[in-house]
Each structure stands twice: as C-alpha cells, then as structure tokens.
C-alpha cells in the first residue's frame, strides 16, 4: 500500500493556504482502519511501508554512489517539535553512513555573519554521489529572521532597503541558488513538517513531564510558540515564493509521526527512482584489465 503523497507537493506559480493542508491527514487505507479503532494494524502497515522504502533507499544509495554524477540535498523545516530529528533517524537509518551527511544549523557565528546568508550552507552541500540532509537551513533567513527583524541587524547588510522588496529579493536569491544546484546535478527535496499548534503543545508537555525527555526542552520553544501566527504567515509566504519546478516544496502532515516518516521516505525513493541511474559500464580496456587481475589472483 502506498502513501498517496502526490497532493503534498506545492504547485509552482500557484498560491496555497496552509489552512487547506490537514496536519492530521492519514491515507485512505488507514482511515478505514481508524473507523474500526485498529491502531495497532495501522502502525504495523505503516512500519511495513517505511521498512520497504528503507530497503529501496539502501539499494539506491549504492547505485547513486557508484554512478557519482548527482547528489541529493534534503531540507527539513518545521516548528519546534515537528519531528525533524525523528524523521532523519527513522527514514535514513538504513543507509550507509559513509554516503550520507546531516548538518544542523544553529545560531550563526560571528564568522558566518561576516558572509552572506548562504555561505555557511554552501560549505555543507553534499558531494557527488552523496546524500546531504539540512536539519533547518537557509530558509531560517526568511523565517525566524523575518519574524524577529532584530536578527536582521546582525547580518551586516548594506543600507536598508524597502522591506517588501528585501524579502522578495531574498526569495529570489534562494530560487536562483537552488536552480544553480539542480543544473549542476543536485536533486533538492524540501519538506515542511506541518504540525498543528495543539499537537506541538502535547509534545512540549511530554518533554516537560518525562524526565528522559527534559533535555529536549528549550525555553525558547515557548517564546517562539507565542509567535505561532507570524510563523505560519512566514511559512506560507516562503512556500508560495520558493516552491519551484526545479525544487518544489512538500507539505508533510506531522501530527502523526508514522505518517511523516512513511511519507518522506516514499517521496525520497520515488524521486531517486525517476533518475533511472545505472552502474557505470566498463570500457573494453577496463574489462580486459579486470580479467588479468582475476587471473593473477587465481595463480597465487
């Protein structure tokens, strides 16, 4: 059973509203079982989908590495508690660590602030044949920086411009940056984990109530939650402005973790499959050299 995730893609050039995307969405087969209160069967089926996709991803990664002509950049964005860390852990647990790298971007350092906002992200891009994952990304510079404009003052920008033009130009910079990446062989997959405010509350409370989850809690989570409406507006703007034909956004329901994990894995596997990669073919000279090497080994 598939996750039927095609409707998660944000169409390029069209305006969407986040209100039209259900954060608690489940596929039809799960909805039918939900009516029977068969939660165990739902989770078992979701686990099968996820495991099948992990196996496919493992096989594809070797082919991807051997081909060595492309790279994949996976971007995960979402409010605190949306499940970015868990998604990385569950979806990518089967891949070879040598071919995959995860970068988490925190508050920029003084050195990073002395460069343009894309500089530190450019340094972390995956090499050919590798999968790179950005846990948060340059999109923070049109999210938290937009919601908290005082952070913009630290970026040492030239003389102030009209704010609306500034943000539109920053969206344009991101679109052109991603277009450059795609033209040079990087597949860009962008996932917004769409968490409801009520589900975030439950997850934050869990961090406070369970001692082994206390370390996950940050007081900034509460202050940022107070600006929920502003963040949703900023997310909606960036989704509308930066979901392009070459690097579309996917709005992933995040209230149910199994839906998030299965959906993201389904999209990654589907997009890699479209590349129709093959193992490199040996030249006649290389084939002859292999035969000689085999003969030499057999003679030992």
Protein backbone atom coordinates (compact mmCIF):
# COMPACT_ATOMS: atom_id res chain seq x y z
CA UNK A 1 0.00 0.00 0.00
CA UNK A 2 1.37 3.41 -0.95
CA UNK A 3 1.04 6.65 0.98
CA UNK A 4 -0.58 8.52 -1.96
CA UNK A 5 1.58 11.59 -1.31
CA UNK A 6 1.39 13.40 -4.65
CA UNK A 7 -1.02 16.00 -3.26
CA UNK A 8 1.62 17.10 -0.74
CA UNK A 9 3.61 18.91 -3.44
CA UNK A 10 3.17 22.68 -3.53
CA UNK A 11 2.44 23.66 -7.16
CA UNK A 12 4.86 26.15 -8.67
CA UNK A 13 3.39 29.54 -9.51
CA UNK A 14 0.15 28.95 -7.59
CA UNK A 15 -0.85 30.44 -4.26
CA UNK A 16 -1.66 27.99 -1.49
CA UNK A 17 -3.02 28.44 2.01
CA UNK A 18 -1.72 26.31 4.87
CA UNK A 19 -5.29 26.10 6.16
CA UNK A 20 -6.04 23.81 3.24
CA UNK A 21 -3.45 21.25 4.37
CA UNK A 22 -4.55 18.85 7.10
CA UNK A 23 -1.73 18.28 9.61
CA UNK A 24 -3.51 15.14 10.91
CA UNK A 25 -4.06 13.60 7.45
CA UNK A 26 -3.92 9.81 7.07
CA UNK A 27 -4.14 7.75 3.84
CA UNK A 28 -7.45 6.15 2.87
CA UNK A 29 -6.43 2.65 3.95
CA UNK A 30 -5.59 3.96 7.42
CA UNK A 31 -8.79 5.98 7.64
CA UNK A 32 -10.79 2.82 7.01
CA UNK A 33 -8.95 1.03 9.80
CA UNK A 34 -9.28 4.05 12.11
CA UNK A 35 -13.02 3.63 11.92
CA UNK A 36 -12.55 0.16 13.41
CA UNK A 37 -10.19 1.56 16.07
CA UNK A 38 -7.48 -0.74 14.77
CA UNK A 39 -4.48 1.45 15.67
CA UNK A 40 -2.12 -1.49 16.00
CA UNK A 41 -2.85 -2.66 12.44
CA UNK A 42 -2.34 0.87 11.13
CA UNK A 43 1.08 1.19 12.74
CA UNK A 44 2.09 -2.27 11.54
CA UNK A 45 1.17 -1.40 7.95
CA UNK A 46 2.98 1.94 8.22
CA UNK A 47 6.07 0.13 9.53
CA UNK A 48 5.98 -2.19 6.50
CA UNK A 49 5.83 0.79 4.11
CA UNK A 50 8.71 2.51 5.90
CA UNK A 51 10.84 -0.64 6.02
CA UNK A 52 10.26 -1.34 2.31
CA UNK A 53 11.30 2.21 1.47
CA UNK A 54 14.39 1.94 3.68
CA UNK A 55 15.46 -1.20 1.81
CA UNK A 56 14.91 0.50 -1.53
CA UNK A 57 16.86 3.55 -0.34
CA UNK A 58 19.75 1.34 0.78
CA UNK A 59 19.92 -0.28 -2.68
CA UNK A 60 19.57 3.06 -4.44
CA UNK A 61 22.29 4.65 -2.35
CA UNK A 62 24.90 2.17 -3.58
CA UNK A 63 23.84 2.79 -7.19
CA UNK A 64 23.83 6.52 -6.51
CA UNK A 65 27.36 6.36 -5.05
CA UNK A 66 28.67 4.19 -7.90
CA UNK A 67 27.18 6.49 -10.54
CA UNK A 68 28.77 9.55 -8.92
CA UNK A 69 27.12 12.15 -11.16
CA UNK A 70 24.45 13.54 -8.82
CA UNK A 71 23.93 14.46 -5.19
CA UNK A 72 20.77 14.83 -3.11
CA UNK A 73 20.00 17.68 -0.74
CA UNK A 74 17.13 17.01 1.66
CA UNK A 75 15.83 20.04 3.54
CA UNK A 76 13.67 19.63 6.65
CA UNK A 77 11.82 22.63 8.07
CA UNK A 78 9.14 22.84 10.72
CA UNK A 79 8.20 24.32 14.06
CA UNK A 80 9.82 23.04 17.25
CA UNK A 81 8.53 19.56 17.99
CA UNK A 82 7.55 18.85 14.36
CA UNK A 83 9.79 15.77 14.30
CA UNK A 84 12.78 16.74 12.16
CA UNK A 85 15.27 14.70 14.21
CA UNK A 86 12.95 11.69 14.37
CA UNK A 87 12.34 11.80 10.63
CA UNK A 88 16.07 11.71 9.93
CA UNK A 89 16.52 8.83 12.38
CA UNK A 90 13.65 6.71 11.06
CA UNK A 91 13.95 7.36 7.32
CA UNK A 92 17.72 7.30 6.95
CA UNK A 93 18.59 4.58 9.49
CA UNK A 94 19.22 2.01 6.75
CA UNK A 95 21.65 3.98 4.59
CA UNK A 96 25.44 3.68 4.68
CA UNK A 97 26.75 6.50 6.92
CA UNK A 98 29.69 6.97 4.53
CA UNK A 99 27.31 8.17 1.83
CA UNK A 100 25.11 10.40 3.97
CA UNK A 101 25.75 13.56 5.99
CA UNK A 102 23.48 15.53 8.32
CA UNK A 103 24.04 19.20 9.09
CA UNK A 104 22.11 21.07 11.78
CA UNK A 105 22.29 24.84 11.61
CA UNK A 106 22.23 26.75 14.88
CA UNK A 107 22.59 30.48 15.59
CA UNK A 108 25.17 31.85 13.10
CA UNK A 109 28.65 32.56 14.42
CA UNK A 110 30.50 35.87 14.03
CA UNK A 111 32.45 34.41 11.11
CA UNK A 112 29.23 33.29 9.41
CA UNK A 113 27.62 36.69 9.93
CA UNK A 114 30.60 38.24 8.14
CA UNK A 115 29.49 36.43 4.97
CA UNK A 116 26.26 36.32 3.00
CA UNK A 117 23.42 34.22 4.43
CA UNK A 118 24.02 31.32 2.02
CA UNK A 119 27.75 30.98 2.75
CA UNK A 120 27.64 28.51 5.64
CA UNK A 121 25.10 26.35 3.81
CA UNK A 122 27.15 26.27 0.62
CA UNK A 123 30.08 24.84 2.60
CA UNK A 124 27.87 21.98 3.84
CA UNK A 125 26.50 20.87 0.46
CA UNK A 126 26.85 17.13 -0.32
CA UNK A 127 29.47 15.88 -2.76
CA UNK A 128 28.56 13.98 -5.92
CA UNK A 129 27.22 10.55 -5.04
CA UNK A 130 26.26 11.56 -1.50
CA UNK A 131 23.03 12.43 0.31
CA UNK A 132 23.05 15.61 2.38
CA UNK A 133 20.39 16.49 4.95
CA UNK A 134 19.87 20.00 6.29
CA UNK A 135 18.08 19.99 9.66
CA UNK A 136 16.85 23.56 9.27
CA UNK A 137 18.55 25.53 6.51
CA UNK A 138 18.95 28.86 4.74
CA UNK A 139 15.16 29.09 4.97
CA UNK A 140 15.62 30.23 8.56
CA UNK A 141 16.72 33.51 6.99
CA UNK A 142 13.18 34.06 5.68
CA UNK A 143 11.55 32.60 8.79
CA UNK A 144 12.97 33.46 12.21
CA UNK A 145 14.82 36.45 10.78
CA UNK A 146 11.57 37.68 9.24
CA UNK A 147 9.53 37.10 12.41
CA UNK A 148 12.28 38.61 14.59
CA UNK A 149 13.60 41.53 12.48
CA UNK A 150 16.14 42.47 15.17
CA UNK A 151 18.18 39.48 13.95
CA UNK A 152 18.46 41.14 10.56
CA UNK A 153 20.52 43.93 12.10
CA UNK A 154 23.26 41.39 12.96
CA UNK A 155 23.70 40.38 9.32
CA UNK A 156 25.77 43.47 8.50
CA UNK A 157 23.81 44.30 5.37
CA UNK A 158 24.22 47.43 3.21
CA UNK A 159 21.94 50.42 3.67
CA UNK A 160 18.35 49.48 4.47
CA UNK A 161 16.00 48.85 1.58
CA UNK A 162 12.25 48.64 1.32
CA UNK A 163 11.31 45.63 3.48
CA UNK A 164 8.91 44.07 0.97
CA UNK A 165 11.48 44.33 -1.81
CA UNK A 166 14.14 42.94 0.53
CA UNK A 167 12.23 39.74 1.29
CA UNK A 168 11.17 39.27 -2.33
CA UNK A 169 14.82 39.57 -3.36
CA UNK A 170 15.86 37.09 -0.71
CA UNK A 171 13.29 34.59 -2.04
CA UNK A 172 14.71 35.25 -5.49
CA UNK A 173 18.26 34.60 -4.23
CA UNK A 174 17.14 31.25 -2.80
CA UNK A 175 15.37 30.25 -6.01
CA UNK A 176 18.40 31.07 -8.13
CA UNK A 177 20.72 29.28 -5.68
CA UNK A 178 18.61 26.12 -5.90
CA UNK A 179 18.36 26.41 -9.66
CA UNK A 180 22.16 26.54 -9.81
CA UNK A 181 22.38 23.42 -7.62
CA UNK A 182 19.89 21.49 -9.76
CA UNK A 183 21.62 22.49 -13.00
CA UNK A 184 24.85 21.11 -11.57
CA UNK A 185 23.44 17.74 -10.56
CA UNK A 186 21.94 18.22 -7.09
CA UNK A 187 18.39 16.98 -6.53
CA UNK A 188 16.76 19.32 -4.00
CA UNK A 189 13.95 17.82 -1.90
CA UNK A 190 12.25 20.18 0.56
CA UNK A 191 9.89 19.05 3.31
CA UNK A 192 7.83 21.29 5.57
CA UNK A 193 6.63 19.20 8.51
CA UNK A 194 3.18 20.65 9.07
CA UNK A 195 2.46 20.38 12.80
CA UNK A 196 -0.71 21.71 14.45
CA UNK A 197 -0.43 24.08 17.39
CA UNK A 198 -2.32 21.66 19.65
CA UNK A 199 -0.03 18.72 18.78
CA UNK A 200 3.02 20.88 19.43
CA UNK A 201 1.59 21.66 22.88
CA UNK A 202 1.26 17.94 23.65
CA UNK A 203 4.81 17.23 22.53
CA UNK A 204 6.26 20.11 24.54
CA UNK A 205 4.34 18.96 27.62
CA UNK A 206 5.76 15.46 27.12
CA UNK A 207 9.27 16.91 27.17
CA UNK A 208 8.47 18.55 30.50
CA UNK A 209 6.65 15.61 32.08
CA UNK A 210 9.01 12.79 31.15
CA UNK A 211 12.45 13.07 32.83
CA UNK A 212 14.29 11.34 29.98
CA UNK A 213 12.91 13.96 27.57
CA UNK A 214 13.67 17.03 29.73
CA UNK A 215 16.94 17.62 27.88
CA UNK A 216 14.98 18.26 24.68
CA UNK A 217 13.08 21.17 26.18
CA UNK A 218 14.21 24.72 25.45
CA UNK A 219 12.60 27.82 26.93
CA UNK A 220 12.88 29.45 23.51
CA UNK A 221 10.31 26.88 22.32
CA UNK A 222 7.71 28.68 24.45
CA UNK A 223 8.64 32.17 23.30
CA UNK A 224 8.60 31.09 19.63
CA UNK A 225 5.24 29.38 20.17
CA UNK A 226 3.87 32.77 21.20
CA UNK A 227 4.53 33.94 17.64
CA UNK A 228 2.79 30.96 16.03
CA UNK A 229 0.59 33.08 13.76
CA UNK A 230 3.55 35.08 12.48
CA UNK A 231 5.50 31.91 11.77
CA UNK A 232 2.61 30.36 9.86
CA UNK A 233 2.37 33.51 7.75
CA UNK A 234 6.13 33.41 7.10
CA UNK A 235 5.94 29.72 6.15
CA UNK A 236 3.04 30.35 3.82
CA UNK A 237 4.96 33.15 2.11
CA UNK A 238 8.09 31.07 1.58
CA UNK A 239 6.12 28.07 0.32
CA UNK A 240 4.39 30.27 -2.24
CA UNK A 241 7.55 32.11 -3.24
CA UNK A 242 10.08 29.25 -3.34
CA UNK A 243 8.24 26.13 -4.49
CA UNK A 244 9.69 25.94 -7.97
CA UNK A 245 9.55 23.43 -10.80
CA UNK A 246 13.18 22.52 -10.11
CA UNK A 247 12.92 22.42 -6.31
CA UNK A 248 9.32 22.00 -5.11
CA UNK A 249 8.17 22.00 -1.51
CA UNK A 250 6.23 19.12 0.04
CA UNK A 251 3.87 19.90 2.94
CA UNK A 252 4.02 16.78 5.11
CA UNK A 253 1.33 16.08 7.74
CA UNK A 254 3.23 15.92 11.04
CA UNK A 255 0.62 15.31 13.77
CA UNK A 256 1.11 11.55 13.40
CA UNK A 257 4.76 10.58 13.32
CA UNK A 258 4.21 7.39 11.32
CA UNK A 259 2.57 9.43 8.55
CA UNK A 260 5.55 11.82 8.49
CA UNK A 261 8.16 9.06 8.31
CA UNK A 262 6.36 6.95 5.72
CA UNK A 263 5.51 9.96 3.53
CA UNK A 264 9.01 11.44 3.47
CA UNK A 265 10.56 8.04 2.71
CA UNK A 266 8.04 7.46 -0.10
CA UNK A 267 8.87 10.76 -1.78
CA UNK A 268 12.66 10.32 -1.50
CA UNK A 269 12.54 6.83 -3.02
CA UNK A 270 10.16 7.99 -5.77
CA UNK A 271 12.36 10.94 -6.76
CA UNK A 272 15.57 8.88 -6.86
CA UNK A 273 13.80 6.22 -8.95
CA UNK A 274 12.98 8.84 -11.58
CA UNK A 275 16.71 9.32 -12.24
CA UNK A 276 16.92 5.82 -13.77
CA UNK A 277 20.56 5.53 -12.75
CA UNK A 278 22.71 2.61 -13.85
CA UNK A 279 26.01 1.22 -12.66
CA UNK A 280 28.94 2.59 -14.69
CA UNK A 281 29.78 0.44 -17.72
CA UNK A 282 33.39 -0.64 -18.14
CA UNK A 283 35.36 0.20 -21.25
CA UNK A 284 36.88 -2.71 -23.20
CA UNK A 285 40.25 -1.76 -21.73
CA UNK A 286 38.91 -1.85 -18.18
CA UNK A 287 37.22 -5.22 -18.77
CA UNK A 288 40.49 -6.66 -20.06
CA UNK A 289 42.36 -5.31 -17.04
CA UNK A 290 39.83 -6.97 -14.72
CA UNK A 291 40.31 -10.30 -16.44
CA UNK A 292 44.08 -10.04 -15.99
CA UNK A 293 43.66 -9.13 -12.34
CA UNK A 294 41.42 -12.14 -11.79
CA UNK A 295 43.94 -14.46 -13.47
CA UNK A 296 46.76 -13.09 -11.34
CA UNK A 297 44.77 -13.63 -8.15
CA UNK A 298 43.83 -17.18 -9.15
CA UNK A 299 47.51 -18.02 -9.79
CA UNK A 300 48.57 -17.07 -6.26
